[in-house]
Amino acid sequence: MKILSVGIPCYNSAEYMRHCIESLLPAGDEIEILIVDDGSQKDNTLEIAQEYERNYPGICRAIHQENGGHGEAVNTGLKNATGVFYKVVDSDDWVDHDSLMKVMDTLRRFVQQNQTLDMLICNFVYEKQGAARKKVMNYRSAFPIEQLFTWEDVKHFHLGQYILMHSVIYRVQMLREAELELPKHTFYVDNIFVYQPLPHVKSMYYLDVNFYRYFIGRDDQSVNEQVMIGRIDQQYLVTRLMMSYYDVTKVQPEKLRNYMTRYLEIMMTVCSILAIRSGTPENLQKKKELWQELREKNLRLWLRLRWGFLGQGMNIPGKSGRKVSSAAYKIAQKFYGFN
């Protein structure tokens, strides 16, 4: 029986995918490593995936698909998953060995005791290239540690503290019942992955280990600031999709509603700051239209986001106001260690 299925979206990943796969192999026969080649053409990604399938039969599977983007590779992993739980690990990232053992022990215990666990949360580490200090995202202030809990038991999220794709392991059947399907050929869909299923998540468990190692710092990464500005339309598309899934002002329970609202707040902030940092009239107009669209579709949510702390900071009028917003972003960037 497979306890954990891990989807690894790969696109021209030959340079670093071995490190990712090797970090997962110590989990042995209880793990299923789904190496999804998303139509790679520039290197031998598929051949490497097939090599691991030959060398580790019953553990590694090589899956080839026509290029559909990161989200479609995540979808393919989920469709092929035979484990009880599902995790996504990007091909340039990896997991910590000792933490992996603890994760597997925890998931195994829930399976053996026939207890339903919808979402396991762990810490992740920003493995930023060239950074001496590694920023760790933990959730000690937000969740009870090593106990089953619900949204009613959630405590306090700090500013900048969010559940990200790196943090979560989901129950496969819950994801399928939530009908999670990420859009094709779209960047930044990891936000949808950790937002759309949330109302279906009833039981959670926080394991306080630094499990996921999130590599960041390559110039061509999708989270590089200049790359994000170049793909600003993708960021706006994902934000619009997220706001379309639910009327978040009516979500229950209250703590879940508050969390999902804050997540939309950070998405609107990212969209706004990218437009401001780009400095182009075209992108500033897109920012204005996004906020206006939100006002027309959901006035209650617009009031909450527009007049919240971040919303006010992203909408200071004039050129000098945009300078203030940009400066605040740079401070947050240095403090939190992203990009």
Protein backbone atom coordinates (compact mmCIF):
# COMPACT_ATOMS: atom_id res chain seq x y z
CA MET A 1 0.00 0.00 0.00
CA LYS A 2 1.29 3.43 -0.93
CA ILE A 3 0.97 5.94 1.86
CA LEU A 4 2.30 8.95 -0.05
CA SER A 5 2.28 9.81 -3.74
CA VAL A 6 4.68 12.59 -4.73
CA GLY A 7 4.23 14.41 -8.03
CA ILE A 8 7.40 15.95 -9.47
CA PRO A 9 6.62 18.29 -12.38
CA CYS A 10 9.66 18.28 -14.69
CA TYR A 11 10.34 20.54 -17.65
CA ASN A 12 13.89 20.50 -18.98
CA SER A 13 14.95 19.54 -15.46
CA ALA A 14 17.89 17.23 -16.19
CA GLU A 15 20.35 19.50 -14.40
CA TYR A 16 18.77 19.16 -10.97
CA MET A 17 15.94 16.58 -10.90
CA ARG A 18 18.18 13.74 -9.63
CA HIS A 19 18.76 15.58 -6.35
CA CYS A 20 15.01 15.95 -5.90
CA ILE A 21 14.23 12.30 -6.63
CA GLU A 22 17.11 10.97 -4.52
CA SER A 23 15.89 12.96 -1.51
CA LEU A 24 12.56 11.07 -1.63
CA LEU A 25 13.83 7.53 -2.19
CA PRO A 26 14.66 6.80 1.48
CA ALA A 27 10.90 6.54 2.16
CA GLY A 28 11.07 3.14 0.45
CA ASP A 29 8.12 1.10 -0.77
CA GLU A 30 5.52 3.22 1.02
CA ILE A 31 6.17 6.16 -1.31
CA GLU A 32 5.21 6.57 -4.95
CA ILE A 33 7.35 9.03 -6.92
CA LEU A 34 5.51 10.24 -10.02
CA ILE A 35 8.04 11.94 -12.29
CA VAL A 36 5.95 13.92 -14.77
CA ASP A 37 7.84 15.00 -17.88
CA ASP A 38 5.93 18.01 -19.20
CA GLY A 39 7.03 17.74 -22.81
CA SER A 40 10.73 18.51 -22.25
CA GLN A 41 12.65 19.06 -25.48
CA LYS A 42 15.94 20.71 -24.56
CA ASP A 43 17.45 17.89 -22.51
CA ASN A 44 17.04 14.25 -21.45
CA THR A 45 14.51 14.77 -18.65
CA LEU A 46 12.31 11.91 -19.87
CA GLU A 47 15.27 9.52 -20.14
CA ILE A 48 16.29 10.28 -16.56
CA ALA A 49 12.72 9.67 -15.39
CA GLN A 50 12.65 6.34 -17.24
CA GLU A 51 16.01 5.40 -15.73
CA TYR A 52 14.60 5.84 -12.20
CA GLU A 53 11.52 3.83 -13.17
CA ARG A 54 13.79 0.95 -14.27
CA ASN A 55 16.04 1.17 -11.23
CA TYR A 56 13.23 1.58 -8.68
CA PRO A 57 10.26 -0.38 -10.02
CA GLY A 58 7.15 0.00 -7.91
CA ILE A 59 8.47 3.25 -6.42
CA CYS A 60 9.27 5.55 -9.35
CA ARG A 61 7.02 6.03 -12.36
CA ALA A 62 7.92 8.04 -15.46
CA ILE A 63 4.93 9.81 -16.98
CA HIS A 64 5.25 11.73 -20.25
CA GLN A 65 2.73 14.30 -21.40
CA GLU A 66 2.53 17.01 -24.02
CA ASN A 67 3.56 20.36 -22.62
CA GLY A 68 0.74 21.70 -20.48
CA GLY A 69 2.60 23.74 -17.90
CA HIS A 70 3.29 23.24 -14.21
CA GLY A 71 -0.39 23.07 -13.27
CA GLU A 72 -1.15 20.33 -15.76
CA ALA A 73 1.81 18.32 -14.47
CA VAL A 74 0.39 18.64 -10.94
CA ASN A 75 -3.01 17.51 -12.30
CA THR A 76 -1.38 14.50 -14.00
CA GLY A 77 0.36 13.51 -10.79
CA LEU A 78 -2.93 13.66 -8.88
CA LYS A 79 -4.78 11.65 -11.54
CA ASN A 80 -2.14 8.92 -11.37
CA ALA A 81 -1.72 8.89 -7.60
CA THR A 82 -2.49 5.59 -5.88
CA GLY A 83 -1.37 6.68 -2.41
CA VAL A 84 -3.56 7.90 0.43
CA PHE A 85 -1.84 11.31 0.42
CA TYR A 86 -0.45 13.59 -2.29
CA LYS A 87 2.52 15.94 -2.21
CA VAL A 88 4.03 18.13 -4.94
CA VAL A 89 7.80 18.63 -4.95
CA ASP A 90 9.20 20.82 -7.72
CA SER A 91 12.13 19.32 -9.61
CA ASP A 92 14.65 21.93 -8.41
CA ASP A 93 13.66 21.49 -4.76
CA TRP A 94 14.21 18.62 -2.34
CA VAL A 95 13.17 17.30 1.07
CA ASP A 96 15.11 16.79 4.29
CA HIS A 97 15.89 13.15 5.10
CA ASP A 98 15.10 13.13 8.82
CA SER A 99 11.95 15.17 8.31
CA LEU A 100 10.83 12.78 5.55
CA MET A 101 11.06 9.89 7.99
CA LYS A 102 8.91 11.77 10.52
CA VAL A 103 6.39 12.70 7.83
CA MET A 104 6.07 9.08 6.74
CA ASP A 105 5.70 7.91 10.36
CA THR A 106 2.94 10.46 10.93
CA LEU A 107 1.01 9.63 7.76
CA ARG A 108 1.38 5.90 8.41
CA ARG A 109 -0.07 6.31 11.88
CA PHE A 110 -3.18 8.02 10.54
CA VAL A 111 -3.67 5.29 7.96
CA GLN A 112 -3.18 2.46 10.45
CA GLN A 113 -5.56 4.05 12.97
CA ASN A 114 -8.10 4.69 10.23
CA GLN A 115 -8.25 8.40 11.11
CA THR A 116 -9.13 10.94 8.44
CA LEU A 117 -6.49 13.58 7.88
CA ASP A 118 -7.18 16.06 5.10
CA MET A 119 -4.04 18.19 5.30
CA LEU A 120 -0.63 17.76 6.89
CA ILE A 121 1.37 20.98 7.29
CA CYS A 122 5.15 21.13 7.70
CA ASN A 123 7.74 23.92 7.68
CA PHE A 124 9.78 24.81 4.62
CA VAL A 125 13.15 26.47 4.18
CA TYR A 126 14.02 29.15 1.63
CA GLU A 127 17.24 27.74 0.16
CA LYS A 128 18.13 31.08 -1.38
CA GLN A 129 21.18 31.01 -3.60
CA GLY A 130 24.04 32.98 -2.03
CA ALA A 131 22.19 33.68 1.22
CA ALA A 132 24.12 32.91 4.40
CA ARG A 133 20.97 32.87 6.50
CA LYS A 134 18.21 30.45 5.48
CA LYS A 135 14.73 31.76 6.20
CA VAL A 136 12.42 29.12 7.69
CA MET A 137 8.66 29.38 7.35
CA ASN A 138 7.13 27.73 10.40
CA TYR A 139 3.57 27.76 11.72
CA ARG A 140 4.02 27.54 15.49
CA SER A 141 2.00 30.70 16.08
CA ALA A 142 -0.83 29.51 13.82
CA PHE A 143 -1.44 25.84 14.56
CA PRO A 144 -1.45 23.43 17.51
CA ILE A 145 1.66 21.26 17.28
CA GLU A 146 1.41 17.52 16.61
CA GLN A 147 -2.29 17.08 17.23
CA LEU A 148 -5.33 16.70 15.02
CA PHE A 149 -7.23 20.00 14.79
CA THR A 150 -9.88 21.91 12.82
CA TRP A 151 -10.22 25.50 11.61
CA GLU A 152 -11.79 26.40 14.96
CA ASP A 153 -8.46 25.59 16.63
CA VAL A 154 -6.34 27.79 14.35
CA LYS A 155 -4.50 30.54 16.20
CA HIS A 156 -2.71 33.60 14.75
CA PHE A 157 -1.07 34.02 11.35
CA HIS A 158 1.64 36.66 11.21
CA LEU A 159 1.84 39.07 8.27
CA GLY A 160 3.62 37.20 5.49
CA GLN A 161 2.87 33.79 7.01
CA TYR A 162 0.79 31.66 4.65
CA ILE A 163 0.23 28.02 3.80
CA LEU A 164 2.09 27.44 0.54
CA MET A 165 2.39 24.44 -1.78
CA HIS A 166 5.70 23.64 -0.10
CA SER A 167 3.93 23.36 3.27
CA VAL A 168 1.14 20.94 2.51
CA ILE A 169 0.39 17.28 1.97
CA TYR A 170 -3.25 16.60 1.08
CA ARG A 171 -5.46 13.53 1.30
CA VAL A 172 -5.91 12.36 -2.29
CA GLN A 173 -9.62 11.59 -2.05
CA MET A 174 -10.32 15.01 -0.54
CA LEU A 175 -8.61 16.72 -3.50
CA ARG A 176 -10.64 14.65 -5.93
CA GLU A 177 -13.87 15.45 -4.13
CA ALA A 178 -12.91 19.14 -4.19
CA GLU A 179 -12.52 18.75 -7.99
CA LEU A 180 -9.16 20.48 -7.93
CA GLU A 181 -7.89 21.04 -11.44
CA LEU A 182 -5.22 23.63 -12.13
CA PRO A 183 -5.33 25.60 -15.41
CA LYS A 184 -2.97 24.67 -18.23
CA HIS A 185 -0.14 26.87 -19.48
CA THR A 186 -0.46 29.18 -16.49
CA PHE A 187 2.17 30.28 -13.99
CA TYR A 188 1.60 30.84 -10.25
CA VAL A 189 -1.07 28.12 -10.00
CA ASP A 190 0.51 26.96 -6.74
CA ASN A 191 -1.67 29.66 -5.16
CA ILE A 192 -4.78 27.89 -6.46
CA PHE A 193 -3.43 24.58 -5.15
CA VAL A 194 -3.39 25.90 -1.57
CA TYR A 195 -6.57 28.00 -1.81
CA GLN A 196 -9.28 26.21 -3.76
CA PRO A 197 -9.37 23.02 -1.59
CA LEU A 198 -9.48 24.85 1.76
CA PRO A 199 -13.28 24.72 2.39
CA HIS A 200 -13.04 20.94 1.91
CA VAL A 201 -10.28 20.61 4.51
CA LYS A 202 -11.88 19.56 7.80
CA SER A 203 -8.99 17.96 9.69
CA MET A 204 -5.38 19.12 9.91
CA TYR A 205 -2.12 18.19 11.63
CA TYR A 206 0.99 20.36 12.01
CA LEU A 207 4.32 18.57 12.17
CA ASP A 208 6.97 21.07 13.27
CA VAL A 209 9.84 19.88 11.07
CA ASN A 210 11.78 21.68 8.32
CA PHE A 211 10.69 19.25 5.63
CA TYR A 212 10.68 21.04 2.27
CA ARG A 213 13.73 22.81 0.88
CA TYR A 214 12.61 25.52 -1.52
CA PHE A 215 15.43 26.52 -3.85
CA ILE A 216 15.26 30.16 -4.88
CA GLY A 217 17.62 32.53 -6.62
CA ARG A 218 18.02 31.40 -10.23
CA ASP A 219 17.53 34.24 -12.70
CA ASP A 220 15.04 32.25 -14.78
CA GLN A 221 12.81 31.18 -11.88
CA SER A 222 9.14 32.14 -12.06
CA VAL A 223 9.41 33.95 -8.70
CA ASN A 224 12.24 36.21 -9.87
CA GLU A 225 10.86 39.77 -9.70
CA GLN A 226 11.65 40.71 -13.29
CA VAL A 227 10.22 37.41 -14.52
CA MET A 228 7.06 38.06 -12.50
CA ILE A 229 6.70 41.52 -14.01
CA GLY A 230 7.09 40.01 -17.46
CA ARG A 231 4.30 37.55 -16.59
CA ILE A 232 2.08 40.04 -14.81
CA ASP A 233 -0.96 38.95 -16.84
CA GLN A 234 -0.54 35.43 -15.42
CA GLN A 235 -0.56 36.79 -11.88
CA TYR A 236 -3.72 38.75 -12.61
CA LEU A 237 -5.38 35.70 -14.20
CA VAL A 238 -4.68 33.50 -11.18
CA THR A 239 -5.94 36.20 -8.79
CA ARG A 240 -9.18 36.55 -10.76
CA LEU A 241 -9.64 32.77 -10.76
CA MET A 242 -9.14 32.58 -7.01
CA MET A 243 -11.73 35.28 -6.40
CA SER A 244 -14.19 33.42 -8.64
CA TYR A 245 -14.18 30.11 -6.74
CA TYR A 246 -16.11 31.32 -3.71
CA ASP A 247 -17.80 34.38 -2.30
CA VAL A 248 -15.22 34.40 0.45
CA THR A 249 -17.27 36.81 2.59
CA LYS A 250 -19.76 33.96 3.15
CA VAL A 251 -17.29 31.14 3.85
CA GLN A 252 -17.66 29.35 7.18
CA PRO A 253 -16.24 28.94 9.76
CA GLU A 254 -15.04 32.45 10.53
CA LYS A 255 -11.36 31.56 10.96
CA LEU A 256 -11.30 29.93 7.54
CA ARG A 257 -13.06 32.96 6.06
CA ASN A 258 -10.52 35.29 7.63
CA TYR A 259 -7.60 33.22 6.35
CA MET A 260 -8.92 33.00 2.79
CA THR A 261 -9.64 36.73 2.79
CA ARG A 262 -6.07 37.44 3.88
CA TYR A 263 -4.80 35.21 1.11
CA LEU A 264 -6.75 37.21 -1.46
CA GLU A 265 -5.37 40.35 0.15
CA ILE A 266 -1.80 39.22 -0.46
CA MET A 267 -2.65 38.25 -4.05
CA MET A 268 -4.06 41.71 -4.71
CA THR A 269 -0.97 43.21 -3.08
CA VAL A 270 1.37 41.20 -5.31
CA CYS A 271 -0.59 42.22 -8.41
CA SER A 272 -0.47 45.86 -7.34
CA ILE A 273 3.22 45.99 -6.43
CA LEU A 274 4.25 44.30 -9.67
CA ALA A 275 2.40 46.97 -11.61
CA ILE A 276 3.98 49.71 -9.48
CA ARG A 277 7.48 48.23 -9.78
CA SER A 278 7.12 47.92 -13.55
CA GLY A 279 6.31 51.63 -13.79
CA THR A 280 4.52 51.29 -17.11
CA PRO A 281 1.22 53.10 -17.76
CA GLU A 282 -0.20 49.89 -19.23
CA ASN A 283 0.41 47.87 -16.07
CA LEU A 284 -0.78 50.67 -13.79
CA GLN A 285 -4.01 50.69 -15.79
CA LYS A 286 -4.32 46.92 -15.29
CA LYS A 287 -3.95 47.44 -11.55
CA LYS A 288 -6.70 50.08 -11.58
CA GLU A 289 -9.00 47.82 -13.59
CA LEU A 290 -8.45 44.85 -11.26
CA TRP A 291 -9.45 46.84 -8.19
CA GLN A 292 -12.46 48.31 -10.04
CA GLU A 293 -13.54 44.86 -11.18
CA LEU A 294 -13.43 43.60 -7.60
CA ARG A 295 -15.51 46.58 -6.46
CA GLU A 296 -18.19 45.85 -9.05
CA LYS A 297 -18.35 42.11 -8.37
CA ASN A 298 -18.07 42.02 -4.59
CA LEU A 299 -18.32 45.38 -2.83
CA ARG A 300 -18.03 43.84 0.63
CA LEU A 301 -14.77 42.12 -0.22
CA TRP A 302 -13.47 45.22 -2.00
CA LEU A 303 -14.08 47.33 1.12
CA ARG A 304 -12.22 44.78 3.23
CA LEU A 305 -9.22 44.59 0.90
CA ARG A 306 -9.06 48.18 -0.35
CA TRP A 307 -9.17 49.74 3.09
CA GLY A 308 -7.06 47.14 4.85
CA PHE A 309 -3.46 47.93 5.73
CA LEU A 310 -1.99 46.38 2.58
CA GLY A 311 -4.70 47.70 0.28
CA GLN A 312 -4.16 51.26 1.45
CA GLY A 313 -0.40 50.86 1.06
CA MET A 314 -0.79 49.70 -2.56
CA ASN A 315 -3.16 52.51 -3.53
CA ILE A 316 -1.42 55.67 -2.36
CA PRO A 317 -2.11 58.15 -5.18
CA GLY A 318 0.51 59.75 -7.38
CA LYS A 319 4.12 59.06 -8.24
CA SER A 320 5.32 59.74 -4.71
CA GLY A 321 2.75 57.30 -3.37
CA ARG A 322 4.02 54.59 -5.68
CA LYS A 323 7.56 55.24 -4.39
CA VAL A 324 6.35 54.69 -0.83
CA SER A 325 4.63 51.44 -1.84
CA SER A 326 7.75 50.23 -3.62
CA ALA A 327 9.99 51.06 -0.67
CA ALA A 328 7.71 49.16 1.70
CA TYR A 329 7.85 46.16 -0.62
CA LYS A 330 11.67 46.20 -0.66
CA ILE A 331 11.78 46.19 3.13
CA ALA A 332 9.36 43.26 3.28
CA GLN A 333 11.36 41.45 0.60
CA LYS A 334 14.55 41.73 2.63
CA PHE A 335 12.85 40.75 5.88
CA TYR A 336 10.91 37.72 4.61
CA GLY A 337 13.56 36.48 2.17
CA PHE A 338 11.32 35.91 -0.89
CA ASN A 339 12.31 36.59 -4.54
